[in-house]
N, C-alpha and C. Protein backbone atom coordinates (compact mmCIF):
# COMPACT_ATOMS: atom_id res chain seq x y z
N UNK A 1 24.04 -14.84 -22.00
CA UNK A 1 23.41 -13.90 -23.03
C UNK A 1 22.13 -13.36 -22.65
N UNK A 2 21.81 -11.91 -22.63
CA UNK A 2 20.38 -11.44 -22.34
C UNK A 2 19.60 -11.44 -23.65
N UNK A 3 18.45 -11.81 -23.51
CA UNK A 3 17.18 -11.55 -24.09
C UNK A 3 16.36 -10.77 -24.04
N UNK A 4 15.21 -10.50 -24.83
CA UNK A 4 14.28 -9.66 -24.46
C UNK A 4 13.39 -10.18 -23.51
N UNK A 5 13.26 -11.59 -23.35
CA UNK A 5 12.56 -12.20 -22.70
C UNK A 5 13.10 -12.29 -21.16
N UNK A 6 14.04 -12.02 -21.00
CA UNK A 6 14.62 -11.85 -19.40
C UNK A 6 14.19 -10.86 -18.61
N UNK A 7 13.71 -11.26 -17.08
CA UNK A 7 13.46 -10.29 -16.22
C UNK A 7 14.14 -10.66 -15.13
N UNK A 8 14.44 -9.36 -14.69
CA UNK A 8 15.43 -9.35 -13.12
C UNK A 8 14.64 -8.39 -12.43
N UNK A 9 14.50 -8.96 -11.29
CA UNK A 9 13.91 -8.39 -10.03
C UNK A 9 15.10 -7.87 -9.20
N UNK A 10 15.25 -6.49 -9.21
CA UNK A 10 16.16 -5.62 -8.58
C UNK A 10 15.59 -5.07 -7.44
N UNK A 11 14.28 -5.10 -7.20
CA UNK A 11 13.90 -4.09 -5.94
C UNK A 11 12.60 -4.73 -5.30
N UNK A 12 12.57 -5.18 -4.10
CA UNK A 12 11.54 -5.68 -3.49
C UNK A 12 10.86 -4.88 -2.29
N UNK A 13 9.66 -5.07 -2.28
CA UNK A 13 9.05 -4.13 -0.85
C UNK A 13 7.83 -5.19 -0.34
N UNK A 14 7.38 -5.01 0.69
CA UNK A 14 6.36 -5.79 1.31
C UNK A 14 5.65 -5.27 2.51
N UNK A 15 4.48 -5.57 2.76
CA UNK A 15 4.03 -5.24 4.24
C UNK A 15 3.17 -6.34 4.48
N UNK A 16 3.40 -7.13 5.82
CA UNK A 16 2.73 -8.26 5.84
C UNK A 16 2.54 -8.30 7.42
N UNK A 17 1.40 -8.88 7.81
CA UNK A 17 1.32 -9.01 9.04
C UNK A 17 2.21 -9.41 10.16
N UNK A 18 2.54 -8.40 11.08
CA UNK A 18 3.78 -8.85 11.87
C UNK A 18 4.91 -8.58 11.15
N UNK A 19 4.90 -7.78 9.96
CA UNK A 19 6.18 -7.96 9.46
C UNK A 19 5.98 -6.68 8.52
N UNK A 20 6.82 -5.65 8.86
CA UNK A 20 6.50 -4.59 8.12
C UNK A 20 7.49 -4.55 6.72
N UNK A 21 8.55 -5.39 6.63
CA UNK A 21 9.37 -5.86 5.74
C UNK A 21 9.54 -6.78 5.06
N UNK A 22 10.10 -7.24 3.95
CA UNK A 22 10.32 -8.40 3.61
C UNK A 22 11.22 -9.48 4.46
N UNK A 23 12.42 -8.65 4.92
CA UNK A 23 13.31 -9.31 6.03
C UNK A 23 12.43 -9.79 6.91
N UNK A 24 11.89 -9.10 7.56
CA UNK A 24 10.86 -9.17 8.97
C UNK A 24 9.82 -10.57 8.54
N UNK A 25 9.30 -10.55 7.30
CA UNK A 25 8.42 -11.75 6.90
C UNK A 25 9.49 -12.94 7.09
N UNK A 26 10.55 -12.85 6.42
CA UNK A 26 11.29 -13.98 6.53
C UNK A 26 11.76 -14.61 7.73
N UNK A 27 12.02 -13.52 8.66
CA UNK A 27 12.50 -14.04 10.07
C UNK A 27 11.21 -14.66 10.51
N UNK A 28 9.91 -14.23 10.53
CA UNK A 28 8.93 -14.66 10.99
C UNK A 28 8.64 -16.11 10.55
N UNK A 29 9.09 -16.16 9.14
CA UNK A 29 8.82 -17.72 8.87
C UNK A 29 9.76 -18.60 9.10
N UNK A 30 11.27 -18.20 9.18
CA UNK A 30 12.10 -18.98 9.95
C UNK A 30 11.81 -19.36 11.31
N UNK A 31 10.99 -18.55 11.94
CA UNK A 31 10.94 -18.66 13.46
C UNK A 31 9.62 -19.31 13.51
N UNK A 32 9.04 -19.75 12.39
CA UNK A 32 7.40 -20.25 12.43
C UNK A 32 6.55 -19.74 12.94
N UNK A 33 6.60 -18.57 13.05
CA UNK A 33 5.41 -17.39 13.70
C UNK A 33 4.30 -17.67 12.72
N UNK A 34 3.07 -17.83 13.37
CA UNK A 34 1.63 -17.80 12.80
C UNK A 34 1.00 -16.35 13.13
N UNK A 35 1.04 -15.26 12.18
CA UNK A 35 0.45 -14.24 12.53
C UNK A 35 -1.01 -14.00 12.41
N UNK A 36 -1.66 -14.90 12.73
CA UNK A 36 -3.08 -14.73 12.61
C UNK A 36 -3.17 -14.48 14.17
N UNK A 37 -4.20 -13.66 14.42
CA UNK A 37 -4.58 -13.28 15.65
C UNK A 37 -5.79 -12.21 15.43
N UNK A 38 -6.46 -11.96 16.77
CA UNK A 38 -7.50 -11.09 16.79
C UNK A 38 -7.28 -9.70 16.41
N UNK A 39 -8.19 -8.94 16.22
CA UNK A 39 -7.91 -7.70 15.85
C UNK A 39 -7.69 -6.76 17.15
N UNK A 40 -6.13 -6.18 17.04
CA UNK A 40 -5.87 -5.32 18.43
C UNK A 40 -6.42 -4.17 18.64
N UNK A 41 -6.62 -3.88 19.98
CA UNK A 41 -7.31 -2.63 20.23
C UNK A 41 -6.75 -1.64 19.46
N UNK A 42 -5.29 -1.51 19.59
CA UNK A 42 -4.88 -0.50 18.78
C UNK A 42 -5.25 -0.49 17.54
N UNK A 43 -5.42 -1.06 16.78
CA UNK A 43 -6.13 -1.17 15.33
C UNK A 43 -7.41 -0.82 15.47
N UNK A 44 -8.02 -1.22 16.17
CA UNK A 44 -9.68 -0.62 16.55
C UNK A 44 -9.63 0.71 16.59
N UNK A 45 -8.80 1.13 17.58
CA UNK A 45 -8.82 2.75 18.09
C UNK A 45 -8.62 3.54 16.84
N UNK A 46 -7.41 3.20 15.84
CA UNK A 46 -7.04 3.88 15.03
C UNK A 46 -7.84 4.04 13.52
N UNK A 47 -8.57 2.57 13.36
CA UNK A 47 -9.44 2.73 12.16
C UNK A 47 -10.82 2.92 12.65
N UNK A 48 -11.01 3.34 13.91
CA UNK A 48 -12.28 3.84 14.43
C UNK A 48 -13.57 2.64 14.02
N UNK A 49 -12.97 1.20 14.41
CA UNK A 49 -13.92 0.46 14.22
C UNK A 49 -14.74 -0.18 15.58
N UNK A 50 -15.79 -0.56 15.82
CA UNK A 50 -16.60 -0.99 16.96
C UNK A 50 -16.11 -2.11 17.72
N UNK A 51 -15.24 -1.60 18.53
CA UNK A 51 -14.63 -2.44 19.75
C UNK A 51 -15.30 -3.65 20.23
N UNK A 52 -16.76 -3.56 20.10
CA UNK A 52 -17.45 -4.38 21.03
C UNK A 52 -18.10 -5.56 19.91
N UNK A 53 -17.54 -5.29 18.50
CA UNK A 53 -17.70 -6.30 17.55
C UNK A 53 -16.79 -7.77 17.81
N UNK A 54 -16.97 -8.88 17.66
CA UNK A 54 -15.98 -9.85 17.42
C UNK A 54 -15.39 -10.14 16.13
N UNK A 55 -14.55 -9.66 16.19
CA UNK A 55 -13.74 -10.00 14.57
C UNK A 55 -13.26 -11.21 14.50
N UNK A 56 -13.05 -11.76 13.17
CA UNK A 56 -12.40 -12.85 13.18
C UNK A 56 -11.13 -12.86 13.20
N UNK A 57 -10.35 -13.87 13.68
CA UNK A 57 -8.84 -13.65 13.76
C UNK A 57 -8.38 -13.86 12.42
N UNK A 58 -7.40 -12.94 11.72
CA UNK A 58 -7.17 -12.70 10.81
C UNK A 58 -5.72 -12.62 10.72
N UNK A 59 -4.79 -12.26 9.56
CA UNK A 59 -3.62 -11.60 9.58
C UNK A 59 -3.70 -10.24 9.50
N UNK A 60 -3.75 -9.71 10.42
CA UNK A 60 -4.16 -8.14 10.23
C UNK A 60 -2.55 -7.42 10.18
N UNK A 61 -2.88 -6.19 9.21
CA UNK A 61 -1.78 -5.44 9.42
C UNK A 61 -2.11 -4.18 10.02
N UNK A 62 -0.90 -4.00 10.82
CA UNK A 62 -1.22 -2.79 11.88
C UNK A 62 -0.80 -1.62 11.39
N UNK A 63 -1.44 -0.39 12.05
CA UNK A 63 -1.49 0.96 11.60
C UNK A 63 -1.47 1.42 9.89
N UNK A 64 -2.62 0.76 9.20
CA UNK A 64 -2.70 0.96 7.90
C UNK A 64 -3.31 2.45 7.89
N UNK A 65 -3.43 3.35 8.94
CA UNK A 65 -3.92 4.79 8.92
C UNK A 65 -2.92 5.39 8.60
N UNK A 66 -1.32 5.04 8.80
CA UNK A 66 -0.20 5.79 8.91
C UNK A 66 0.07 6.30 7.42
N UNK A 67 0.32 7.19 6.85
CA UNK A 67 0.51 8.02 5.56
C UNK A 67 0.82 9.30 5.74
N UNK A 68 2.03 9.71 4.86
CA UNK A 68 2.71 11.01 4.89
C UNK A 68 1.95 11.44 3.42
N UNK A 69 1.21 12.04 3.84
CA UNK A 69 -0.08 12.81 2.40
C UNK A 69 1.33 13.94 1.94
N UNK A 70 1.91 14.56 2.69
CA UNK A 70 2.57 15.69 2.03
C UNK A 70 3.76 15.27 1.14
N UNK A 71 4.52 14.05 1.59
CA UNK A 71 5.53 13.68 0.61
C UNK A 71 5.01 13.28 -0.58
N UNK A 72 3.71 12.50 -0.44
CA UNK A 72 3.00 12.20 -2.02
C UNK A 72 2.24 13.33 -2.69
N UNK A 73 2.42 14.55 -1.97
CA UNK A 73 1.61 15.87 -2.61
C UNK A 73 0.33 15.57 -2.74
N UNK A 74 -0.33 15.14 -1.68
CA UNK A 74 -1.61 14.43 -1.80
C UNK A 74 -2.27 15.67 -0.52
N UNK A 75 -3.27 16.14 -0.55
CA UNK A 75 -3.67 17.06 0.56
C UNK A 75 -4.34 16.24 1.73
N UNK A 76 -4.36 16.32 2.98
CA UNK A 76 -4.73 15.57 4.22
C UNK A 76 -6.38 14.90 3.70
N UNK A 77 -7.49 15.74 2.90
CA UNK A 77 -8.54 15.84 2.62
C UNK A 77 -8.40 14.15 1.82
N UNK A 78 -8.00 14.50 0.55
CA UNK A 78 -7.85 13.36 -0.33
C UNK A 78 -7.43 12.28 0.32
N UNK A 79 -6.27 12.29 1.10
CA UNK A 79 -5.72 11.06 1.62
C UNK A 79 -6.65 10.50 2.68
N UNK A 80 -7.68 11.45 3.28
CA UNK A 80 -8.47 10.58 3.91
C UNK A 80 -9.73 9.89 3.15
N UNK A 81 -9.76 10.03 1.89
CA UNK A 81 -10.71 9.48 1.04
C UNK A 81 -10.26 8.61 0.34
N UNK A 82 -8.95 8.16 0.56
CA UNK A 82 -8.23 7.05 -0.69
C UNK A 82 -8.29 6.01 0.28
N UNK A 83 -8.51 4.82 -0.57
CA UNK A 83 -8.45 3.75 0.04
C UNK A 83 -7.06 3.23 0.76
N UNK A 84 -7.17 2.52 1.75
CA UNK A 84 -6.08 2.31 2.18
C UNK A 84 -5.07 1.42 1.16
N UNK A 85 -5.17 0.48 0.64
CA UNK A 85 -4.72 -0.04 -0.74
C UNK A 85 -3.68 0.64 -1.71
N UNK A 86 -4.63 1.99 -1.92
CA UNK A 86 -3.81 3.13 -2.84
C UNK A 86 -2.78 3.70 -2.03
N UNK A 87 -2.73 3.98 -0.71
CA UNK A 87 -1.72 4.78 0.22
C UNK A 87 -0.64 3.61 0.50
N UNK A 88 -0.87 2.47 0.72
CA UNK A 88 0.18 1.39 0.90
C UNK A 88 0.80 1.36 -0.19
N UNK A 89 0.20 1.09 -1.32
CA UNK A 89 0.99 0.56 -2.62
C UNK A 89 1.53 1.87 -2.76
N UNK A 90 1.42 3.36 -2.73
CA UNK A 90 2.66 4.43 -2.76
C UNK A 90 3.71 4.07 -2.09
N UNK A 91 3.60 3.90 -0.96
CA UNK A 91 4.70 3.39 0.15
C UNK A 91 5.60 2.16 -0.37
N UNK A 92 4.96 1.29 -0.83
CA UNK A 92 5.64 0.13 -1.11
C UNK A 92 6.63 0.32 -2.47
N UNK A 93 5.98 0.79 -3.44
CA UNK A 93 6.47 1.08 -4.54
C UNK A 93 7.82 2.19 -4.21
N UNK A 94 7.79 3.03 -3.23
CA UNK A 94 8.97 3.96 -2.90
C UNK A 94 10.08 2.93 -2.49
N UNK A 95 9.67 2.06 -1.53
CA UNK A 95 10.37 1.22 -0.81
C UNK A 95 11.26 0.01 -1.85
N UNK A 96 10.44 -0.18 -2.86
CA UNK A 96 10.94 -1.06 -3.60
C UNK A 96 11.93 -0.43 -4.55
N UNK A 97 11.49 0.84 -5.11
CA UNK A 97 12.59 1.60 -6.13
C UNK A 97 13.84 1.50 -5.03
N UNK A 98 13.63 2.15 -3.90
CA UNK A 98 14.89 2.05 -2.87
C UNK A 98 15.63 1.16 -2.44
N UNK A 99 14.85 -0.01 -2.32
CA UNK A 99 15.71 -1.63 -2.03
C UNK A 99 16.41 -1.69 -3.19
N UNK A 100 16.16 -1.35 -4.57
CA UNK A 100 16.85 -1.51 -5.79
C UNK A 100 18.18 -0.47 -6.07
N UNK A 101 18.36 0.17 -4.94
CA UNK A 101 19.46 1.19 -5.13
C UNK A 101 19.19 2.59 -5.72
N UNK A 102 17.97 2.82 -6.08
CA UNK A 102 17.76 4.04 -6.81
C UNK A 102 17.22 5.10 -6.13
N UNK A 103 17.00 6.19 -6.24
CA UNK A 103 16.34 7.17 -5.72
C UNK A 103 15.15 7.51 -6.45
N UNK A 104 14.21 8.10 -5.81
CA UNK A 104 12.95 8.03 -6.40
C UNK A 104 12.70 8.69 -7.81
N UNK A 105 13.65 9.74 -7.92
CA UNK A 105 13.80 10.63 -9.27
C UNK A 105 14.40 9.86 -10.31
N UNK A 106 14.96 8.97 -10.13
CA UNK A 106 16.06 7.81 -11.02
C UNK A 106 15.02 7.44 -12.21
N UNK A 107 13.83 7.41 -11.97
CA UNK A 107 12.71 7.11 -13.09
C UNK A 107 12.03 8.09 -13.76
N UNK A 108 12.20 9.11 -13.36
CA UNK A 108 11.43 10.60 -13.90
C UNK A 108 11.59 10.44 -15.26
N UNK A 109 10.58 10.89 -15.92
CA UNK A 109 10.42 11.20 -17.54
C UNK A 109 10.62 9.90 -18.04
N UNK A 110 10.87 8.71 -17.57
CA UNK A 110 10.98 7.48 -18.39
C UNK A 110 9.68 6.97 -18.93
N UNK A 111 10.25 6.10 -20.15
CA UNK A 111 9.20 5.15 -20.44
C UNK A 111 9.03 3.72 -19.77
N UNK A 112 8.14 3.92 -18.41
CA UNK A 112 8.05 2.92 -17.76
C UNK A 112 6.84 2.56 -17.34
N UNK A 113 6.12 1.31 -17.44
CA UNK A 113 4.82 0.75 -17.30
C UNK A 113 4.65 0.63 -15.88
N UNK A 114 3.59 0.73 -15.19
CA UNK A 114 3.07 0.20 -13.75
C UNK A 114 1.91 -0.69 -14.24
N UNK A 115 1.99 -2.10 -13.62
CA UNK A 115 1.30 -2.80 -13.52
C UNK A 115 0.67 -3.29 -12.28
N UNK A 116 -0.38 -3.20 -11.94
CA UNK A 116 -0.86 -3.37 -10.73
C UNK A 116 -2.26 -4.41 -10.54
N UNK A 117 -2.41 -4.99 -9.22
CA UNK A 117 -3.71 -5.76 -9.33
C UNK A 117 -4.42 -5.26 -8.02
N UNK A 118 -5.50 -5.24 -7.68
CA UNK A 118 -5.93 -4.71 -6.49
C UNK A 118 -7.13 -5.53 -5.95
N UNK A 119 -7.42 -5.68 -4.90
CA UNK A 119 -8.38 -6.21 -4.29
C UNK A 119 -9.70 -5.46 -4.53
N UNK A 120 -10.94 -5.92 -4.31
CA UNK A 120 -12.06 -5.37 -4.48
C UNK A 120 -12.56 -4.42 -3.50
N UNK A 121 -12.78 -3.21 -4.32
CA UNK A 121 -12.64 -1.77 -3.28
C UNK A 121 -14.01 -2.05 -2.53
N UNK A 122 -13.75 -1.58 -1.23
CA UNK A 122 -14.91 -1.80 -0.04
C UNK A 122 -14.65 -0.54 0.59
N UNK A 123 -13.96 -0.10 0.68
CA UNK A 123 -13.43 1.38 1.58
C UNK A 123 -14.43 2.36 1.42
N UNK A 124 -14.89 2.66 0.19
CA UNK A 124 -15.75 3.60 -0.22
C UNK A 124 -17.37 3.32 0.58
N UNK A 125 -17.57 1.96 0.72
CA UNK A 125 -18.92 1.76 1.82
C UNK A 125 -18.67 2.51 2.88
N UNK A 126 -17.69 3.09 3.59
CA UNK A 126 -17.62 3.74 4.59
C UNK A 126 -18.08 4.91 4.76
N UNK A 127 -18.27 5.49 3.73
CA UNK A 127 -18.36 7.09 3.64
C UNK A 127 -19.83 7.30 3.44
N UNK A 128 -20.35 8.35 3.84
CA UNK A 128 -22.02 8.42 4.12
C UNK A 128 -22.34 9.37 3.22
N UNK A 129 -21.31 10.61 2.72
CA UNK A 129 -21.53 11.25 1.68
C UNK A 129 -20.67 11.24 0.47
N UNK A 130 -21.17 11.57 -0.77
CA UNK A 130 -20.38 11.12 -1.94
C UNK A 130 -19.37 12.50 -2.22
N UNK A 131 -18.45 12.57 -2.49
CA UNK A 131 -17.64 13.46 -3.01
C UNK A 131 -16.47 12.94 -3.70
N UNK A 132 -16.19 13.91 -4.85
CA UNK A 132 -15.45 13.92 -6.08
C UNK A 132 -14.12 12.89 -5.63
N UNK A 133 -13.35 13.49 -4.42
CA UNK A 133 -12.27 13.00 -3.95
C UNK A 133 -12.20 11.39 -3.82
N UNK A 134 -13.49 11.04 -3.17
CA UNK A 134 -13.84 9.77 -3.04
C UNK A 134 -13.80 8.78 -4.23
N UNK A 135 -14.11 9.38 -5.57
CA UNK A 135 -14.07 8.38 -6.60
C UNK A 135 -12.75 7.86 -7.25
N UNK A 136 -11.79 8.89 -7.33
CA UNK A 136 -10.37 8.60 -7.43
C UNK A 136 -9.71 7.70 -6.52
N UNK A 137 -9.96 8.08 -5.35
CA UNK A 137 -9.35 7.34 -4.30
C UNK A 137 -9.62 5.68 -3.74
N UNK A 138 -10.96 5.49 -4.54
CA UNK A 138 -11.26 4.20 -4.51
C UNK A 138 -11.51 3.31 -5.44
N UNK A 139 -10.90 4.03 -6.88
CA UNK A 139 -11.18 3.40 -8.16
C UNK A 139 -9.60 2.50 -8.13
N UNK A 140 -9.75 1.25 -8.24
CA UNK A 140 -8.78 0.53 -8.24
C UNK A 140 -7.92 0.67 -9.85
N UNK A 141 -8.60 0.87 -10.59
CA UNK A 141 -7.80 1.19 -11.86
C UNK A 141 -7.07 2.61 -11.99
N UNK A 142 -7.40 3.34 -10.78
CA UNK A 142 -6.64 4.57 -10.71
C UNK A 142 -5.19 4.45 -9.83
N UNK A 143 -4.83 3.41 -9.37
CA UNK A 143 -3.82 3.16 -8.49
C UNK A 143 -2.54 3.07 -9.36
N UNK A 144 -2.61 2.46 -10.36
CA UNK A 144 -1.12 2.70 -11.53
C UNK A 144 -1.13 3.86 -11.93
N UNK A 145 -2.12 4.62 -12.29
CA UNK A 145 -2.16 6.16 -12.43
C UNK A 145 -1.59 7.13 -11.59
N UNK A 146 -1.77 6.61 -10.02
CA UNK A 146 -1.26 7.49 -9.14
C UNK A 146 -0.10 7.18 -9.20
N UNK A 147 0.35 6.02 -9.18
CA UNK A 147 1.91 5.78 -9.04
C UNK A 147 2.68 6.78 -10.27
N UNK A 148 2.19 6.45 -11.44
CA UNK A 148 2.76 6.78 -12.50
C UNK A 148 2.88 8.52 -12.69
N UNK A 149 1.92 9.05 -11.95
CA UNK A 149 1.83 10.45 -11.54
C UNK A 149 2.73 10.77 -10.78
N UNK A 150 2.84 10.09 -9.63
CA UNK A 150 3.86 10.47 -8.48
C UNK A 150 5.28 10.40 -9.01
N UNK A 151 5.82 9.54 -9.61
CA UNK A 151 7.02 9.08 -10.41
C UNK A 151 7.39 9.82 -11.43
N UNK A 152 6.22 10.35 -12.08
CA UNK A 152 6.47 11.33 -13.25
C UNK A 152 6.96 10.41 -14.31
N UNK A 153 6.25 9.18 -14.32
CA UNK A 153 6.68 8.07 -15.31
C UNK A 153 5.99 8.61 -16.74
N UNK A 154 6.40 8.26 -18.00
CA UNK A 154 5.67 8.17 -19.16
C UNK A 154 5.24 6.98 -19.63
């Protein structure tokens, strides 16, 4: 019997160090793979960080710079100001909906809530000039709204 307290997880997505999908994460765990490693030269290049700095080995996620701004209806300029967390969340939400077997338009206009958590915003500290696009793109409270807007939720 289904009650209003029951919850069903029907779609899942994730992005992890050396595992761009949940299935890849499971394979890495099964293999006993440790994904803590030094920051790669490729990541340094694509994120424009100082390659002479000695970065702490961590579970780095590769290519956080990749984002199809036009798919999400976002200008290249706005996407450049967006915290990578916001860009990644948009991609993961789409992957989770598709993993559940739905098209992205399936939720359009529905009464659907979006509840997200976000790390402390630090991306904005990289900018030397203040720009209005930077404000929305770096406010953790804006992520759920951005997802709701993209999916046309009510």
